[in-house]
């Protein structure tokens, strides 16, 4: 697992707290091979912890920094994967908004 730690003191308003909670709920309910799984969350007085599926291949930023050139076909594959992940997140976001109203 990987843990994303968010300091609670950055939530200076109720709106920011609500937004991060919505983000967590959307991530927990998004089921796609193109989006990391959110295993769960926990909160302490100082931090919010988001437990995520560990991906040991690194992130896209690391991949791009380690290379001088990427073939067009490989870039196209990565782009399609990003778009499929965004599609899954947006689909869940839309469902979340519809059920919240």
C-alpha atoms as a PDB file:
ATOM      1  CA  UNK A   1       0.000   0.000   0.000  1.00  0.00           C
ATOM      2  CA  UNK A   2       0.919   3.651  -0.383  1.00  0.00           C
ATOM      3  CA  UNK A   3      -0.250   6.347   2.002  1.00  0.00           C
ATOM      4  CA  UNK A   4      -1.084   9.896   0.985  1.00  0.00           C
ATOM      5  CA  UNK A   5      -0.854  12.204   4.000  1.00  0.00           C
ATOM      6  CA  UNK A   6      -2.768  15.484   3.963  1.00  0.00           C
ATOM      7  CA  UNK A   7      -2.224  17.940   6.773  1.00  0.00           C
ATOM      8  CA  UNK A   8      -5.580  18.972   8.217  1.00  0.00           C
ATOM      9  CA  UNK A   9      -4.445  22.552   8.815  1.00  0.00           C
ATOM     10  CA  UNK A  10      -4.535  23.204   5.044  1.00  0.00           C
ATOM     11  CA  UNK A  11      -8.332  22.919   5.231  1.00  0.00           C
ATOM     12  CA  UNK A  12      -8.931  26.514   6.205  1.00  0.00           C
ATOM     13  CA  UNK A  13     -12.595  26.479   5.268  1.00  0.00           C
ATOM     14  CA  UNK A  14     -15.571  24.145   5.444  1.00  0.00           C
ATOM     15  CA  UNK A  15     -15.694  24.189   1.627  1.00  0.00           C
ATOM     16  CA  UNK A  16     -12.147  22.799   1.367  1.00  0.00           C
ATOM     17  CA  UNK A  17     -12.974  20.081   3.903  1.00  0.00           C
ATOM     18  CA  UNK A  18     -16.086  19.156   1.935  1.00  0.00           C
ATOM     19  CA  UNK A  19     -14.143  19.045  -1.351  1.00  0.00           C
ATOM     20  CA  UNK A  20     -11.481  16.662  -0.043  1.00  0.00           C
ATOM     21  CA  UNK A  21     -14.188  14.418   1.442  1.00  0.00           C
ATOM     22  CA  UNK A  22     -15.995  14.326  -1.925  1.00  0.00           C
ATOM     23  CA  UNK A  23     -12.710  13.543  -3.661  1.00  0.00           C
ATOM     24  CA  UNK A  24     -12.086  10.649  -1.288  1.00  0.00           C
ATOM     25  CA  UNK A  25     -15.599   9.261  -1.769  1.00  0.00           C
ATOM     26  CA  UNK A  26     -15.336   9.491  -5.558  1.00  0.00           C
ATOM     27  CA  UNK A  27     -11.932   7.787  -5.522  1.00  0.00           C
ATOM     28  CA  UNK A  28     -13.212   5.023  -3.214  1.00  0.00           C
ATOM     29  CA  UNK A  29     -16.105   4.305  -5.562  1.00  0.00           C
ATOM     30  CA  UNK A  30     -14.231   4.517  -8.873  1.00  0.00           C
ATOM     31  CA  UNK A  31     -13.637   1.041 -10.234  1.00  0.00           C
ATOM     32  CA  UNK A  32     -11.186   1.140 -13.124  1.00  0.00           C
ATOM     33  CA  UNK A  33      -7.939  -0.543 -14.031  1.00  0.00           C
ATOM     34  CA  UNK A  34      -6.721   2.955 -14.969  1.00  0.00           C
ATOM     35  CA  UNK A  35      -7.214   4.486 -11.503  1.00  0.00           C
ATOM     36  CA  UNK A  36      -5.397   3.370  -8.344  1.00  0.00           C
ATOM     37  CA  UNK A  37      -7.639   1.683  -5.787  1.00  0.00           C
ATOM     38  CA  UNK A  38      -8.428   3.615  -2.632  1.00  0.00           C
ATOM     39  CA  UNK A  39      -8.282   1.052   0.155  1.00  0.00           C
ATOM     40  CA  UNK A  40      -9.504   3.348   2.911  1.00  0.00           C
ATOM     41  CA  UNK A  41      -8.887   6.451   4.953  1.00  0.00           C
ATOM     42  CA  UNK A  42      -8.166   7.455   8.495  1.00  0.00           C
ATOM     43  CA  UNK A  43      -7.982  10.771  10.294  1.00  0.00           C
ATOM     44  CA  UNK A  44      -5.990  11.974  13.236  1.00  0.00           C
ATOM     45  CA  UNK A  45      -6.056  15.360  14.883  1.00  0.00           C
ATOM     46  CA  UNK A  46      -3.321  16.619  12.544  1.00  0.00           C
ATOM     47  CA  UNK A  47      -3.601  14.557   9.349  1.00  0.00           C
ATOM     48  CA  UNK A  48      -5.904  12.769   6.943  1.00  0.00           C
ATOM     49  CA  UNK A  49      -4.478   9.491   5.594  1.00  0.00           C
ATOM     50  CA  UNK A  50      -5.568   8.009   2.286  1.00  0.00           C
ATOM     51  CA  UNK A  51      -4.466   4.393   1.761  1.00  0.00           C
ATOM     52  CA  UNK A  52      -3.939   3.587  -1.904  1.00  0.00           C
ATOM     53  CA  UNK A  53      -2.928   0.645  -4.031  1.00  0.00           C
ATOM     54  CA  UNK A  54       0.870   0.656  -4.339  1.00  0.00           C
ATOM     55  CA  UNK A  55       2.173   0.963  -7.891  1.00  0.00           C
ATOM     56  CA  UNK A  56       5.895   0.252  -7.885  1.00  0.00           C
ATOM     57  CA  UNK A  57       6.450   1.410 -11.459  1.00  0.00           C
ATOM     58  CA  UNK A  58       6.608   5.044 -10.394  1.00  0.00           C
ATOM     59  CA  UNK A  59       4.506   7.838 -11.749  1.00  0.00           C
ATOM     60  CA  UNK A  60       4.287   9.449 -15.182  1.00  0.00           C
ATOM     61  CA  UNK A  61       6.433  12.392 -14.116  1.00  0.00           C
ATOM     62  CA  UNK A  62       9.291  10.064 -13.133  1.00  0.00           C
ATOM     63  CA  UNK A  63       8.922   8.176 -16.400  1.00  0.00           C
ATOM     64  CA  UNK A  64       9.150  11.343 -18.460  1.00  0.00           C
ATOM     65  CA  UNK A  65      12.130  12.727 -16.519  1.00  0.00           C
ATOM     66  CA  UNK A  66      14.101   9.522 -17.022  1.00  0.00           C
ATOM     67  CA  UNK A  67      13.796   9.629 -20.808  1.00  0.00           C
ATOM     68  CA  UNK A  68      14.971  11.915 -23.555  1.00  0.00           C
ATOM     69  CA  UNK A  69      12.593  10.542 -26.173  1.00  0.00           C
ATOM     70  CA  UNK A  70       9.328   8.621 -26.187  1.00  0.00           C
ATOM     71  CA  UNK A  71       8.078   6.976 -29.378  1.00  0.00           C
ATOM     72  CA  UNK A  72       4.770   8.337 -30.634  1.00  0.00           C
ATOM     73  CA  UNK A  73       3.044   4.963 -30.292  1.00  0.00           C
ATOM     74  CA  UNK A  74       4.030   4.654 -26.623  1.00  0.00           C
ATOM     75  CA  UNK A  75       2.906   8.232 -25.944  1.00  0.00           C
ATOM     76  CA  UNK A  76      -0.424   7.406 -27.581  1.00  0.00           C
ATOM     77  CA  UNK A  77      -0.908   4.348 -25.337  1.00  0.00           C
ATOM     78  CA  UNK A  78      -0.166   6.389 -22.197  1.00  0.00           C
ATOM     79  CA  UNK A  79      -2.502   9.177 -23.331  1.00  0.00           C
ATOM     80  CA  UNK A  80      -5.347   6.694 -23.910  1.00  0.00           C
ATOM     81  CA  UNK A  81      -4.816   5.191 -20.446  1.00  0.00           C
ATOM     82  CA  UNK A  82      -4.969   8.649 -18.847  1.00  0.00           C
ATOM     83  CA  UNK A  83      -8.164   9.466 -20.735  1.00  0.00           C
ATOM     84  CA  UNK A  84      -9.778   6.156 -19.687  1.00  0.00           C
ATOM     85  CA  UNK A  85      -8.886   6.883 -16.067  1.00  0.00           C
ATOM     86  CA  UNK A  86     -10.323  10.397 -16.294  1.00  0.00           C
ATOM     87  CA  UNK A  87     -13.467   9.013 -17.933  1.00  0.00           C
ATOM     88  CA  UNK A  88     -13.967   6.570 -15.027  1.00  0.00           C
ATOM     89  CA  UNK A  89     -13.432   9.302 -12.424  1.00  0.00           C
ATOM     90  CA  UNK A  90     -15.799  11.710 -14.186  1.00  0.00           C
ATOM     91  CA  UNK A  91     -18.444   8.990 -14.507  1.00  0.00           C
ATOM     92  CA  UNK A  92     -18.270   8.359 -10.744  1.00  0.00           C
ATOM     93  CA  UNK A  93     -18.242  12.104 -10.046  1.00  0.00           C
ATOM     94  CA  UNK A  94     -21.426  12.530 -12.095  1.00  0.00           C
ATOM     95  CA  UNK A  95     -23.087   9.631 -10.255  1.00  0.00           C
ATOM     96  CA  UNK A  96     -21.993  11.083  -6.923  1.00  0.00           C
ATOM     97  CA  UNK A  97     -23.468  14.515  -7.767  1.00  0.00           C
ATOM     98  CA  UNK A  98     -26.735  12.988  -8.969  1.00  0.00           C
ATOM     99  CA  UNK A  99     -27.201  10.932  -5.799  1.00  0.00           C
ATOM    100  CA  UNK A 100     -26.259  13.895  -3.556  1.00  0.00           C
ATOM    101  CA  UNK A 101     -29.081  16.073  -4.889  1.00  0.00           C
END
